[in-house]
Amino acid sequence: MEMKFVRNFDEMLKFAVSLPPKKVAVVYPNNKETFSGIAEVCKILRTEFLLFGDNATISEGLSSISAGSPEIEIVEVKNVNEALTAAVKAMNDGRADILMKGSVDTSTMMKAVLQDESGLKTGRLLSDIFVFEYPSRMENQLMMITDGGITLAPDLKNKVELVNNAVEVAHALGNSNPKVAILSATEFVLPNLQSTLDAAALAKMNERGQIKGCVVDGPLALDNALSAEAAEEKGIKSPVAGKAEILVAANIEAANSLAKSTTYFAGLRLAHVVVGAQVPILIPSRSDKSDAKLLSIALGSIVSEYLNNN
């Protein structure tokens, strides 16, 4: 795969279009936003779909938004559990490249993926990488936040994997040496604030080659990670401060709130993908609009192609 440095969502869509078509297995789709997202994808990408669920419900949902297409195949199943089993089998059989949840709880979906017999485990930690555009930055507008979806209270070992997973997505987008900020409430290492201790350890591990393919620094507060002026005001000298492209939060509450604030306060577009399994996994929120599903499938397609070639 020819590597391109993808700097924004428009470039990401163009890159996804240039790749060999991918097939997405969707588990139990039965809401309007999922069908609208599929329709949007069919217009822009060359993606194919396997939809696992009730035939009548899916057919009605597709016809209501004119998404009928020879690239869409419906697989009739009786319930969510059967849909999960059939979708996972399709992934193992090589009939699909990306696994995506429809109207099924994320915890139920991930439990099925993490079973030993699923065939999708790699031994790595699975984590969700949230991507948004940071309009104030001109060079690379794509920012990543992790992990707001899966890892509840990551310890130092988990955070190493969170960094590695996010870096893998950055590499798939052509960013060969992303700048990673380990977030806390302060830039000082405080013995009674574990997130600052973890951040300092991660920065040192990166410096000594234990974490590769990126530049890591921390602890950094959000303003210091994003604003060169704020970092300069506090006298922080760092290759990451003011230039961070990946934000690793202290826990799931911080990452989830930070990610959702980009949508609900700033109205920014979003995509996200779960990595660490054999295939990219998409866990869109039920509140995600069709554009978010389009961008997530484009991101999943790029990550899938990257995994196939590395």
Foldseek 3Di string as FASTA:
>chain_A
DDADQQFALVSLLVVLQPDDEFEEEEQAAQDLQVLLLLQVLVVRHVYAYEYEEAPVRVVVSNVVNVNDDPSYHYDYDDDRVVSLVVSLVCVVVVVGFEYEYHPDDPVVNVVCQPDPVSQWADPADKAKWKWFAQVVDDPHRIAIEDHQPPFFADDLVNVLRVVQFNLLLSVLSNNQAAEEEQEDQAQDQDPVGRSQVSQCVVQVCVVVPVRDRYHGHDDDHPQQQQQPVVCVVVPHDDPRGNPHRYYYYRGNVVRNVVSVCCCPVVVTAMEMWMDNILAIYHYDDPPHGSRRSSSNVSSRSSSSVSSVVD
